[in-house]
């Protein structure tokens, strides 16, 4: 009963740590990392022997400062926004897509949408597409600023090799398989959607 007005991915979530670097999935063992509530990264940290800590953004700084957590799984823009750069020493890039890119968007009631004149619909869509483009630009500016701040502070940014990225892909595959099974059990075409997404990613990579 709803229609998407706009949908975009948030910036890629990467791993930022205060004491010890993370390179392989095994490096998460014994570490306490703040993860986004309900996000797959919490499952990943716990499944690999770490401890996922779910606290609100307002408590990120104090949790890291006091050692209640040793790292944060989030995108670079948030690191800048919440002034967390000074607390970290290491930043691990899990590829351009990170450990995930949660979606964010706007929806409208379908009956309400269908009741609007076509020209009004077009104006609304144009406005939300503008919001999308501006939000992406804003995020990219923050990511650039955050990375520059980390570099100036002498932090180590770990860029993983293809083999190391494959290790992370294998580590998260059980979560994907479970999501597909659970969603298919609800009568939804999860595998078809997932495989279609993989094909789009492949096409995009080939076009670059």
N, C-alpha and C. Protein backbone atom coordinates (compact mmCIF):
# COMPACT_ATOMS: atom_id res chain seq x y z
N UNK A 1 0.78 -1.21 0.00
CA UNK A 1 0.00 0.00 0.00
C UNK A 1 0.82 1.27 0.00
N UNK A 2 2.10 1.16 -0.36
CA UNK A 2 2.97 2.33 -0.39
C UNK A 2 3.76 2.38 -1.70
N UNK A 3 4.32 3.52 -1.97
CA UNK A 3 5.17 3.70 -3.15
C UNK A 3 6.44 4.42 -2.74
N UNK A 4 7.57 3.95 -3.26
CA UNK A 4 8.83 4.62 -2.98
C UNK A 4 8.88 5.94 -3.74
N UNK A 5 9.24 7.00 -3.04
CA UNK A 5 9.52 8.28 -3.69
C UNK A 5 11.00 8.38 -4.01
N UNK A 6 11.80 7.75 -3.18
CA UNK A 6 13.24 7.85 -3.34
C UNK A 6 13.91 6.80 -2.46
N UNK A 7 14.97 6.21 -2.95
CA UNK A 7 15.73 5.23 -2.16
C UNK A 7 17.19 5.36 -2.53
N UNK A 8 18.04 5.44 -1.51
CA UNK A 8 19.48 5.53 -1.77
C UNK A 8 20.23 4.75 -0.69
N UNK A 9 21.43 4.28 -1.03
CA UNK A 9 22.25 3.63 -0.01
C UNK A 9 23.02 4.66 0.80
N UNK A 10 23.18 4.40 2.07
CA UNK A 10 24.07 5.21 2.88
C UNK A 10 25.51 4.85 2.51
N UNK A 11 26.48 5.66 2.90
CA UNK A 11 27.88 5.32 2.60
C UNK A 11 28.25 3.96 3.21
N UNK A 12 29.27 3.37 2.65
CA UNK A 12 29.70 2.04 3.08
C UNK A 12 30.20 2.04 4.52
N UNK A 13 29.77 1.05 5.30
CA UNK A 13 30.24 0.92 6.68
C UNK A 13 31.61 0.26 6.70
N UNK A 14 32.54 0.88 7.39
CA UNK A 14 33.89 0.34 7.53
C UNK A 14 34.18 0.13 9.01
N UNK A 15 35.34 -0.42 9.32
CA UNK A 15 35.70 -0.71 10.71
C UNK A 15 36.74 0.30 11.19
N UNK A 16 36.43 0.95 12.30
CA UNK A 16 37.33 1.95 12.89
C UNK A 16 37.65 1.51 14.31
N UNK A 17 38.92 1.39 14.65
CA UNK A 17 39.31 0.86 15.96
C UNK A 17 40.28 1.78 16.69
N UNK A 18 40.28 1.64 18.02
CA UNK A 18 41.08 2.54 18.86
C UNK A 18 42.43 1.96 19.28
N UNK A 19 42.52 0.64 19.40
CA UNK A 19 43.74 0.04 19.97
C UNK A 19 44.46 -0.91 19.02
N UNK A 20 43.72 -1.78 18.37
CA UNK A 20 44.35 -2.80 17.53
C UNK A 20 43.69 -2.82 16.16
N UNK A 21 44.49 -3.02 15.14
CA UNK A 21 43.95 -3.04 13.78
C UNK A 21 43.17 -4.33 13.51
N UNK A 22 42.26 -4.26 12.58
CA UNK A 22 41.50 -5.42 12.13
C UNK A 22 41.78 -5.61 10.64
N UNK A 23 42.29 -6.79 10.29
CA UNK A 23 42.60 -7.08 8.89
C UNK A 23 41.77 -8.26 8.40
N UNK A 24 41.74 -9.33 9.18
CA UNK A 24 40.99 -10.52 8.80
C UNK A 24 39.80 -10.70 9.73
N UNK A 25 38.81 -11.50 9.34
CA UNK A 25 37.68 -11.77 10.23
C UNK A 25 38.12 -12.32 11.59
N UNK A 26 39.20 -13.08 11.61
CA UNK A 26 39.68 -13.65 12.87
C UNK A 26 40.12 -12.57 13.85
N UNK A 27 40.47 -11.39 13.34
CA UNK A 27 40.91 -10.30 14.21
C UNK A 27 39.78 -9.72 15.05
N UNK A 28 38.54 -10.07 14.74
CA UNK A 28 37.41 -9.58 15.53
C UNK A 28 37.25 -10.34 16.85
N UNK A 29 37.90 -11.49 16.96
CA UNK A 29 37.74 -12.30 18.16
C UNK A 29 38.19 -11.54 19.41
N UNK A 30 37.31 -11.50 20.40
CA UNK A 30 37.61 -10.84 21.66
C UNK A 30 37.45 -9.34 21.67
N UNK A 31 37.06 -8.77 20.53
CA UNK A 31 36.93 -7.32 20.46
C UNK A 31 35.47 -6.88 20.66
N UNK A 32 35.31 -5.73 21.31
CA UNK A 32 33.99 -5.14 21.52
C UNK A 32 33.83 -3.98 20.53
N UNK A 33 32.92 -4.16 19.60
CA UNK A 33 32.71 -3.15 18.58
C UNK A 33 31.27 -2.65 18.60
N UNK A 34 31.10 -1.36 18.50
CA UNK A 34 29.76 -0.79 18.39
C UNK A 34 29.26 -1.05 16.97
N UNK A 35 28.05 -1.57 16.87
CA UNK A 35 27.45 -1.82 15.56
C UNK A 35 26.07 -1.17 15.52
N UNK A 36 25.57 -0.97 14.31
CA UNK A 36 24.25 -0.39 14.15
C UNK A 36 23.19 -1.39 14.58
N UNK A 37 22.20 -0.93 15.31
CA UNK A 37 21.14 -1.81 15.81
C UNK A 37 20.43 -2.51 14.66
N UNK A 38 20.31 -3.83 14.77
CA UNK A 38 19.59 -4.59 13.76
C UNK A 38 20.37 -4.83 12.48
N UNK A 39 21.61 -4.37 12.43
CA UNK A 39 22.40 -4.50 11.21
C UNK A 39 23.14 -5.84 11.21
N UNK A 40 23.43 -6.34 10.02
CA UNK A 40 24.12 -7.62 9.88
C UNK A 40 25.50 -7.61 10.53
N UNK A 41 26.10 -6.43 10.68
CA UNK A 41 27.44 -6.38 11.26
C UNK A 41 27.45 -6.86 12.71
N UNK A 42 26.35 -6.65 13.43
CA UNK A 42 26.28 -7.16 14.80
C UNK A 42 26.36 -8.67 14.82
N UNK A 43 25.61 -9.29 13.91
CA UNK A 43 25.67 -10.76 13.79
C UNK A 43 27.09 -11.20 13.46
N UNK A 44 27.74 -10.50 12.52
CA UNK A 44 29.07 -10.89 12.08
C UNK A 44 30.07 -10.83 13.24
N UNK A 45 30.06 -9.72 13.97
CA UNK A 45 30.99 -9.56 15.09
C UNK A 45 30.79 -10.67 16.11
N UNK A 46 29.55 -10.94 16.47
CA UNK A 46 29.27 -11.98 17.47
C UNK A 46 29.65 -13.37 16.95
N UNK A 47 29.37 -13.65 15.69
CA UNK A 47 29.65 -14.97 15.14
C UNK A 47 31.14 -15.27 15.05
N UNK A 48 31.95 -14.22 15.01
CA UNK A 48 33.39 -14.41 14.90
C UNK A 48 34.11 -14.28 16.24
N UNK A 49 33.35 -14.33 17.32
CA UNK A 49 33.95 -14.34 18.65
C UNK A 49 34.14 -12.98 19.27
N UNK A 50 33.62 -11.95 18.62
CA UNK A 50 33.67 -10.62 19.22
C UNK A 50 32.39 -10.35 19.98
N UNK A 51 32.22 -9.11 20.41
CA UNK A 51 31.01 -8.72 21.14
C UNK A 51 30.47 -7.45 20.49
N UNK A 52 29.27 -7.57 19.93
CA UNK A 52 28.63 -6.41 19.32
C UNK A 52 27.97 -5.56 20.41
N UNK A 53 28.32 -4.31 20.46
CA UNK A 53 27.77 -3.38 21.45
C UNK A 53 26.82 -2.44 20.74
N UNK A 54 25.56 -2.45 21.13
CA UNK A 54 24.58 -1.59 20.50
C UNK A 54 24.24 -0.43 21.43
N UNK A 55 24.78 0.73 21.12
CA UNK A 55 24.48 1.95 21.87
C UNK A 55 24.11 3.03 20.85
N UNK A 56 23.34 4.00 21.28
CA UNK A 56 22.91 5.06 20.39
C UNK A 56 24.06 5.97 20.01
N UNK A 57 23.94 6.66 18.88
CA UNK A 57 25.00 7.56 18.43
C UNK A 57 25.44 8.58 19.48
N UNK A 58 24.50 9.01 20.32
CA UNK A 58 24.86 9.98 21.35
C UNK A 58 25.83 9.44 22.38
N UNK A 59 25.96 8.11 22.46
CA UNK A 59 26.87 7.48 23.43
C UNK A 59 28.12 6.90 22.78
N UNK A 60 28.27 7.07 21.47
CA UNK A 60 29.43 6.51 20.79
C UNK A 60 30.74 7.07 21.36
N UNK A 61 30.82 8.38 21.47
CA UNK A 61 32.08 9.01 21.89
C UNK A 61 32.50 8.54 23.28
N UNK A 62 31.58 8.63 24.25
CA UNK A 62 31.95 8.26 25.62
C UNK A 62 32.24 6.77 25.74
N UNK A 63 31.52 5.94 25.00
CA UNK A 63 31.77 4.49 25.05
C UNK A 63 33.16 4.16 24.54
N UNK A 64 33.58 4.82 23.49
CA UNK A 64 34.92 4.59 22.94
C UNK A 64 36.00 5.22 23.83
N UNK A 65 35.72 6.41 24.33
CA UNK A 65 36.69 7.11 25.16
C UNK A 65 36.98 6.36 26.46
N UNK A 66 35.94 5.76 27.03
CA UNK A 66 36.08 5.05 28.30
C UNK A 66 36.48 3.59 28.14
N UNK A 67 36.63 3.13 26.91
CA UNK A 67 37.04 1.76 26.67
C UNK A 67 35.93 0.74 26.79
N UNK A 68 34.68 1.21 26.82
CA UNK A 68 33.55 0.26 26.84
C UNK A 68 33.41 -0.44 25.51
N UNK A 69 33.99 0.16 24.49
CA UNK A 69 34.06 -0.45 23.17
C UNK A 69 35.41 -0.10 22.57
N UNK A 70 35.91 -0.98 21.69
CA UNK A 70 37.24 -0.79 21.10
C UNK A 70 37.18 -0.34 19.65
N UNK A 71 35.97 -0.21 19.15
CA UNK A 71 35.84 0.19 17.76
C UNK A 71 34.39 0.42 17.38
N UNK A 72 34.21 0.86 16.16
CA UNK A 72 32.89 1.20 15.67
C UNK A 72 32.79 0.78 14.22
N UNK A 73 31.68 0.16 13.87
CA UNK A 73 31.42 -0.22 12.48
C UNK A 73 30.40 0.79 11.94
N UNK A 74 30.89 1.71 11.14
CA UNK A 74 30.01 2.78 10.64
C UNK A 74 30.70 3.43 9.44
N UNK A 75 29.98 4.27 8.72
CA UNK A 75 30.59 4.94 7.57
C UNK A 75 31.42 6.15 8.02
N UNK A 76 32.32 6.58 7.14
CA UNK A 76 33.24 7.67 7.45
C UNK A 76 32.51 8.97 7.76
N UNK A 77 31.38 9.20 7.10
CA UNK A 77 30.66 10.46 7.32
C UNK A 77 30.25 10.60 8.78
N UNK A 78 29.84 9.50 9.40
CA UNK A 78 29.45 9.54 10.81
C UNK A 78 30.66 9.77 11.71
N UNK A 79 31.80 9.22 11.33
CA UNK A 79 33.02 9.45 12.11
C UNK A 79 33.30 10.95 12.19
N UNK A 80 33.13 11.62 11.07
CA UNK A 80 33.34 13.07 11.05
C UNK A 80 32.26 13.80 11.82
N UNK A 81 30.99 13.45 11.56
CA UNK A 81 29.86 14.16 12.18
C UNK A 81 29.90 14.11 13.70
N UNK A 82 30.29 12.95 14.24
CA UNK A 82 30.30 12.79 15.69
C UNK A 82 31.67 13.04 16.31
N UNK A 83 32.58 13.61 15.51
CA UNK A 83 33.91 14.02 15.98
C UNK A 83 34.65 12.89 16.68
N UNK A 84 34.67 11.73 16.01
CA UNK A 84 35.27 10.54 16.60
C UNK A 84 36.70 10.30 16.13
N UNK A 85 37.14 11.07 15.15
CA UNK A 85 38.45 10.82 14.55
C UNK A 85 39.56 10.75 15.60
N UNK A 86 39.52 11.64 16.56
CA UNK A 86 40.60 11.72 17.56
C UNK A 86 40.69 10.48 18.44
N UNK A 87 39.67 9.64 18.44
CA UNK A 87 39.66 8.45 19.29
C UNK A 87 40.24 7.22 18.59
N UNK A 88 40.31 7.27 17.27
CA UNK A 88 40.73 6.09 16.52
C UNK A 88 42.21 6.13 16.13
N UNK A 89 42.75 4.95 15.85
CA UNK A 89 44.11 4.83 15.33
C UNK A 89 44.14 4.06 14.02
N UNK A 90 43.12 3.20 13.82
CA UNK A 90 43.10 2.34 12.64
C UNK A 90 41.73 2.39 11.95
N UNK A 91 41.76 2.27 10.64
CA UNK A 91 40.53 2.26 9.84
C UNK A 91 40.68 1.16 8.79
N UNK A 92 39.78 0.22 8.79
CA UNK A 92 39.85 -0.92 7.87
C UNK A 92 38.79 -0.77 6.79
N UNK A 93 39.23 -0.71 5.53
CA UNK A 93 38.32 -0.61 4.40
C UNK A 93 37.99 -2.00 3.87
N UNK A 94 36.73 -2.39 4.06
CA UNK A 94 36.28 -3.70 3.55
C UNK A 94 35.74 -3.48 2.14
N UNK A 95 36.58 -2.99 1.24
CA UNK A 95 36.16 -2.75 -0.13
C UNK A 95 35.26 -1.53 -0.24
N UNK A 96 34.89 -1.15 -1.46
CA UNK A 96 34.07 0.05 -1.68
C UNK A 96 32.67 -0.05 -1.07
N UNK A 97 32.17 -1.28 -0.91
CA UNK A 97 30.84 -1.46 -0.31
C UNK A 97 30.88 -1.70 1.18
N UNK A 98 32.08 -1.78 1.74
CA UNK A 98 32.22 -2.02 3.16
C UNK A 98 31.52 -3.28 3.62
N UNK A 99 31.09 -3.28 4.87
CA UNK A 99 30.33 -4.42 5.40
C UNK A 99 28.83 -4.25 5.16
N UNK A 100 28.49 -3.21 4.42
CA UNK A 100 27.09 -3.00 4.09
C UNK A 100 26.82 -1.53 3.79
N UNK A 101 25.74 -1.30 3.07
CA UNK A 101 25.31 0.05 2.75
C UNK A 101 23.79 0.11 2.97
N UNK A 102 23.38 0.32 4.22
CA UNK A 102 21.94 0.32 4.53
C UNK A 102 21.19 1.33 3.66
N UNK A 103 19.97 0.98 3.30
CA UNK A 103 19.17 1.86 2.47
C UNK A 103 18.45 2.93 3.29
N UNK A 104 18.20 4.06 2.66
CA UNK A 104 17.44 5.13 3.29
C UNK A 104 16.56 5.77 2.22
N UNK A 105 15.31 5.97 2.54
CA UNK A 105 14.44 6.54 1.52
C UNK A 105 13.15 7.08 2.08
N UNK A 106 12.26 7.44 1.18
CA UNK A 106 10.97 8.02 1.55
C UNK A 106 9.86 7.29 0.81
N UNK A 107 8.74 7.07 1.51
CA UNK A 107 7.60 6.40 0.90
C UNK A 107 6.35 7.26 1.07
N UNK A 108 5.35 6.97 0.26
CA UNK A 108 4.09 7.68 0.35
C UNK A 108 2.96 6.66 0.24
N UNK A 109 1.86 6.93 0.89
CA UNK A 109 0.70 6.06 0.78
C UNK A 109 0.25 5.99 -0.67
N UNK A 110 0.04 4.79 -1.16
CA UNK A 110 -0.25 4.60 -2.59
C UNK A 110 -1.56 5.25 -3.00
N UNK A 111 -2.58 5.16 -2.15
CA UNK A 111 -3.86 5.79 -2.48
C UNK A 111 -3.72 7.30 -2.55
N UNK A 112 -2.97 7.85 -1.62
CA UNK A 112 -2.72 9.29 -1.64
C UNK A 112 -1.98 9.68 -2.91
N UNK A 113 -0.97 8.89 -3.25
CA UNK A 113 -0.18 9.16 -4.46
C UNK A 113 -1.06 9.13 -5.71
N UNK A 114 -1.89 8.11 -5.82
CA UNK A 114 -2.74 7.97 -7.01
C UNK A 114 -3.80 9.07 -7.09
N UNK A 115 -4.08 9.71 -5.98
CA UNK A 115 -5.09 10.78 -5.99
C UNK A 115 -4.52 12.11 -6.48
N UNK A 116 -3.20 12.18 -6.60
CA UNK A 116 -2.56 13.43 -7.02
C UNK A 116 -2.54 13.56 -8.54
N UNK A 117 -2.67 14.78 -9.05
CA UNK A 117 -2.54 15.00 -10.49
C UNK A 117 -1.15 14.63 -10.98
N UNK A 118 -1.03 14.23 -12.23
CA UNK A 118 0.24 13.79 -12.77
C UNK A 118 1.33 14.86 -12.65
N UNK A 119 0.97 16.13 -12.90
CA UNK A 119 1.99 17.17 -12.84
C UNK A 119 2.51 17.37 -11.42
N UNK A 120 1.64 17.18 -10.43
CA UNK A 120 2.07 17.27 -9.04
C UNK A 120 3.00 16.10 -8.69
N UNK A 121 2.67 14.91 -9.17
CA UNK A 121 3.54 13.75 -8.95
C UNK A 121 4.93 14.00 -9.51
N UNK A 122 4.99 14.58 -10.70
CA UNK A 122 6.28 14.84 -11.34
C UNK A 122 7.10 15.84 -10.55
N UNK A 123 6.44 16.85 -10.00
CA UNK A 123 7.14 17.84 -9.18
C UNK A 123 7.70 17.20 -7.92
N UNK A 124 6.91 16.34 -7.28
CA UNK A 124 7.35 15.67 -6.07
C UNK A 124 8.55 14.77 -6.36
N UNK A 125 8.46 14.00 -7.43
CA UNK A 125 9.57 13.10 -7.78
C UNK A 125 10.83 13.89 -8.10
N UNK A 126 10.68 15.00 -8.80
CA UNK A 126 11.83 15.84 -9.11
C UNK A 126 12.48 16.36 -7.84
N UNK A 127 11.66 16.77 -6.87
CA UNK A 127 12.18 17.29 -5.60
C UNK A 127 12.94 16.21 -4.83
N UNK A 128 12.38 15.01 -4.79
CA UNK A 128 13.04 13.94 -4.02
C UNK A 128 14.28 13.43 -4.73
N UNK A 129 14.30 13.47 -6.06
CA UNK A 129 15.53 13.10 -6.77
C UNK A 129 16.63 14.12 -6.50
N UNK A 130 16.24 15.40 -6.38
CA UNK A 130 17.21 16.44 -6.03
C UNK A 130 17.76 16.18 -4.63
N UNK A 131 16.87 15.85 -3.68
CA UNK A 131 17.30 15.53 -2.32
C UNK A 131 18.30 14.38 -2.34
N UNK A 132 18.01 13.36 -3.14
CA UNK A 132 18.91 12.20 -3.25
C UNK A 132 20.30 12.64 -3.70
N UNK A 133 20.35 13.40 -4.78
CA UNK A 133 21.64 13.80 -5.34
C UNK A 133 22.43 14.68 -4.36
N UNK A 134 21.74 15.60 -3.71
CA UNK A 134 22.41 16.48 -2.77
C UNK A 134 22.92 15.72 -1.54
N UNK A 135 22.14 14.73 -1.09
CA UNK A 135 22.55 13.93 0.07
C UNK A 135 23.81 13.12 -0.25
N UNK A 136 23.86 12.57 -1.45
CA UNK A 136 25.04 11.80 -1.87
C UNK A 136 26.27 12.71 -1.92
N UNK A 137 26.12 13.91 -2.48
CA UNK A 137 27.23 14.86 -2.54
C UNK A 137 27.70 15.24 -1.13
N UNK A 138 26.73 15.48 -0.25
CA UNK A 138 27.05 15.86 1.12
C UNK A 138 27.83 14.75 1.83
N UNK A 139 27.37 13.51 1.66
CA UNK A 139 28.06 12.38 2.28
C UNK A 139 29.49 12.26 1.75
N UNK A 140 29.65 12.41 0.45
CA UNK A 140 30.99 12.27 -0.13
C UNK A 140 31.93 13.35 0.39
N UNK A 141 31.41 14.56 0.58
CA UNK A 141 32.24 15.64 1.15
C UNK A 141 32.69 15.28 2.57
N UNK A 142 31.77 14.73 3.36
CA UNK A 142 32.12 14.36 4.73
C UNK A 142 33.14 13.22 4.75
N UNK A 143 32.97 12.26 3.86
CA UNK A 143 33.90 11.13 3.79
C UNK A 143 35.31 11.63 3.46
N UNK A 144 35.39 12.56 2.50
CA UNK A 144 36.68 13.13 2.13
C UNK A 144 37.31 13.87 3.30
N UNK A 145 36.51 14.65 4.02
CA UNK A 145 37.02 15.39 5.18
C UNK A 145 37.50 14.43 6.27
N UNK A 146 36.72 13.39 6.55
CA UNK A 146 37.08 12.45 7.60
C UNK A 146 38.38 11.72 7.27
N UNK A 147 38.51 11.27 6.02
CA UNK A 147 39.72 10.56 5.61
C UNK A 147 40.94 11.47 5.70
N UNK A 148 40.76 12.75 5.35
CA UNK A 148 41.87 13.70 5.44
C UNK A 148 42.27 13.94 6.89
N UNK A 149 41.27 14.04 7.77
CA UNK A 149 41.55 14.22 9.19
C UNK A 149 42.34 13.03 9.74
N UNK A 150 41.94 11.82 9.35
CA UNK A 150 42.64 10.62 9.82
C UNK A 150 44.08 10.59 9.32
N UNK A 151 44.26 10.98 8.07
CA UNK A 151 45.60 11.00 7.50
C UNK A 151 46.48 12.01 8.23
N UNK A 152 45.94 13.19 8.49
CA UNK A 152 46.69 14.24 9.19
C UNK A 152 47.04 13.83 10.61
N UNK A 153 46.20 12.99 11.21
CA UNK A 153 46.43 12.53 12.58
C UNK A 153 47.40 11.34 12.63
N UNK A 154 47.83 10.87 11.48
CA UNK A 154 48.78 9.76 11.44
C UNK A 154 48.15 8.40 11.63
N UNK A 155 46.86 8.28 11.37
CA UNK A 155 46.19 6.99 11.51
C UNK A 155 46.61 6.04 10.39
N UNK A 156 46.45 4.76 10.65
CA UNK A 156 46.72 3.76 9.62
C UNK A 156 45.40 3.34 8.97
N UNK A 157 45.32 3.50 7.66
CA UNK A 157 44.14 3.07 6.91
C UNK A 157 44.51 1.79 6.16
N UNK A 158 43.83 0.71 6.50
CA UNK A 158 44.15 -0.60 5.93
C UNK A 158 43.26 -0.87 4.73
N UNK A 159 43.87 -0.96 3.55
CA UNK A 159 43.17 -1.31 2.32
C UNK A 159 43.38 -2.80 2.07
N UNK A 160 42.32 -3.57 2.10
CA UNK A 160 42.44 -5.02 2.01
C UNK A 160 42.72 -5.50 0.59
N UNK A 161 43.45 -6.59 0.50
CA UNK A 161 43.75 -7.21 -0.80
C UNK A 161 42.53 -8.01 -1.26
N UNK A 162 42.48 -8.38 -2.54
CA UNK A 162 41.37 -9.22 -3.03
C UNK A 162 41.19 -10.51 -2.23
N UNK A 163 42.29 -11.14 -1.85
CA UNK A 163 42.20 -12.38 -1.07
C UNK A 163 41.61 -12.11 0.31
N UNK A 164 42.01 -11.02 0.93
CA UNK A 164 41.47 -10.67 2.25
C UNK A 164 39.98 -10.32 2.15
N UNK A 165 39.60 -9.63 1.08
CA UNK A 165 38.18 -9.31 0.89
C UNK A 165 37.36 -10.59 0.72
N UNK A 166 37.94 -11.58 0.07
CA UNK A 166 37.24 -12.85 -0.10
C UNK A 166 37.01 -13.53 1.24
N UNK A 167 37.95 -13.39 2.16
CA UNK A 167 37.77 -13.94 3.51
C UNK A 167 36.54 -13.32 4.19
N UNK A 168 36.39 -12.01 4.03
CA UNK A 168 35.25 -11.33 4.63
C UNK A 168 33.94 -11.75 3.96
N UNK A 169 34.00 -11.94 2.65
CA UNK A 169 32.80 -12.39 1.93
C UNK A 169 32.36 -13.77 2.43
N UNK A 170 33.32 -14.65 2.65
CA UNK A 170 33.00 -15.98 3.15
C UNK A 170 32.46 -15.93 4.58
N UNK A 171 32.98 -14.99 5.37
CA UNK A 171 32.54 -14.89 6.76
C UNK A 171 31.08 -14.45 6.86
N UNK A 172 30.65 -13.61 5.94
CA UNK A 172 29.28 -13.09 6.02
C UNK A 172 28.28 -13.95 5.24
N UNK A 173 28.76 -14.90 4.45
CA UNK A 173 27.86 -15.71 3.61
C UNK A 173 26.79 -16.47 4.41
N UNK A 174 27.12 -17.04 5.58
CA UNK A 174 26.07 -17.71 6.36
C UNK A 174 24.90 -16.79 6.71
N UNK A 175 25.19 -15.53 6.97
CA UNK A 175 24.11 -14.58 7.28
C UNK A 175 23.23 -14.38 6.05
N UNK A 176 23.86 -14.26 4.89
CA UNK A 176 23.11 -14.07 3.65
C UNK A 176 22.23 -15.29 3.37
N UNK A 177 22.81 -16.48 3.56
CA UNK A 177 22.05 -17.71 3.32
C UNK A 177 20.84 -17.80 4.25
N UNK A 178 21.02 -17.41 5.50
CA UNK A 178 19.92 -17.44 6.45
C UNK A 178 18.85 -16.42 6.07
N UNK A 179 19.27 -15.24 5.65
CA UNK A 179 18.30 -14.22 5.25
C UNK A 179 17.48 -14.70 4.05
N UNK A 180 18.16 -15.31 3.10
CA UNK A 180 17.45 -15.83 1.92
C UNK A 180 16.43 -16.88 2.33
N UNK A 181 16.85 -17.83 3.18
CA UNK A 181 15.95 -18.91 3.62
C UNK A 181 14.76 -18.35 4.40
N UNK A 182 15.02 -17.44 5.32
CA UNK A 182 13.94 -16.87 6.14
C UNK A 182 12.96 -16.07 5.28
N UNK A 183 13.49 -15.33 4.33
CA UNK A 183 12.64 -14.49 3.49
C UNK A 183 11.85 -15.33 2.49
N UNK A 184 12.50 -16.35 1.94
CA UNK A 184 11.79 -17.26 1.02
C UNK A 184 10.66 -17.97 1.74
N UNK A 185 10.86 -18.27 3.03
CA UNK A 185 9.82 -18.94 3.82
C UNK A 185 8.57 -18.07 3.97
N UNK A 186 8.74 -16.77 3.80
CA UNK A 186 7.60 -15.84 3.87
C UNK A 186 6.92 -15.67 2.52
N UNK A 187 7.39 -16.41 1.53
CA UNK A 187 6.79 -16.33 0.21
C UNK A 187 7.34 -15.22 -0.67
N UNK A 188 8.48 -14.66 -0.28
CA UNK A 188 9.08 -13.57 -1.05
C UNK A 188 10.29 -14.08 -1.83
N UNK A 189 10.52 -13.54 -3.02
CA UNK A 189 11.58 -14.06 -3.92
C UNK A 189 12.98 -13.58 -3.55
N UNK A 190 13.44 -13.91 -2.37
CA UNK A 190 14.72 -13.40 -1.87
C UNK A 190 15.89 -13.82 -2.74
N UNK A 191 15.94 -15.09 -3.13
CA UNK A 191 17.09 -15.56 -3.91
C UNK A 191 17.14 -14.87 -5.26
N UNK A 192 15.98 -14.70 -5.88
CA UNK A 192 15.95 -14.03 -7.19
C UNK A 192 16.43 -12.59 -7.07
N UNK A 193 16.00 -11.92 -6.02
CA UNK A 193 16.43 -10.55 -5.80
C UNK A 193 17.94 -10.49 -5.52
N UNK A 194 18.42 -11.39 -4.67
CA UNK A 194 19.84 -11.40 -4.32
C UNK A 194 20.70 -11.68 -5.56
N UNK A 195 20.32 -12.68 -6.32
CA UNK A 195 21.10 -13.03 -7.52
C UNK A 195 21.04 -11.91 -8.55
N UNK A 196 19.88 -11.24 -8.65
CA UNK A 196 19.77 -10.11 -9.56
C UNK A 196 20.68 -8.97 -9.14
N UNK A 197 20.78 -8.74 -7.83
CA UNK A 197 21.67 -7.71 -7.31
C UNK A 197 23.11 -8.04 -7.62
N UNK A 198 23.50 -9.30 -7.44
CA UNK A 198 24.87 -9.70 -7.75
C UNK A 198 25.20 -9.49 -9.21
N UNK A 199 24.23 -9.72 -10.08
CA UNK A 199 24.44 -9.52 -11.50
C UNK A 199 24.62 -8.03 -11.82
N UNK A 200 23.83 -7.19 -11.18
CA UNK A 200 23.97 -5.74 -11.38
C UNK A 200 25.34 -5.26 -10.91
N UNK A 201 25.80 -5.78 -9.76
CA UNK A 201 27.13 -5.42 -9.25
C UNK A 201 28.21 -5.83 -10.24
N UNK A 202 28.06 -7.03 -10.79
CA UNK A 202 29.04 -7.55 -11.76
C UNK A 202 29.08 -6.66 -13.00
N UNK A 203 27.90 -6.28 -13.48
CA UNK A 203 27.84 -5.41 -14.66
C UNK A 203 28.47 -4.06 -14.39
N UNK A 204 28.23 -3.53 -13.20
CA UNK A 204 28.80 -2.24 -12.83
C UNK A 204 30.32 -2.32 -12.77
N UNK A 205 30.84 -3.39 -12.19
CA UNK A 205 32.29 -3.55 -12.08
C UNK A 205 32.94 -3.68 -13.46
N UNK A 206 32.27 -4.38 -14.36
CA UNK A 206 32.81 -4.55 -15.71
C UNK A 206 32.80 -3.25 -16.49
N UNK A 207 31.82 -2.39 -16.18
CA UNK A 207 31.70 -1.12 -16.90
C UNK A 207 32.68 -0.07 -16.43
N UNK A 208 33.27 -0.26 -15.24
CA UNK A 208 34.19 0.74 -14.68
C UNK A 208 35.52 0.74 -15.40
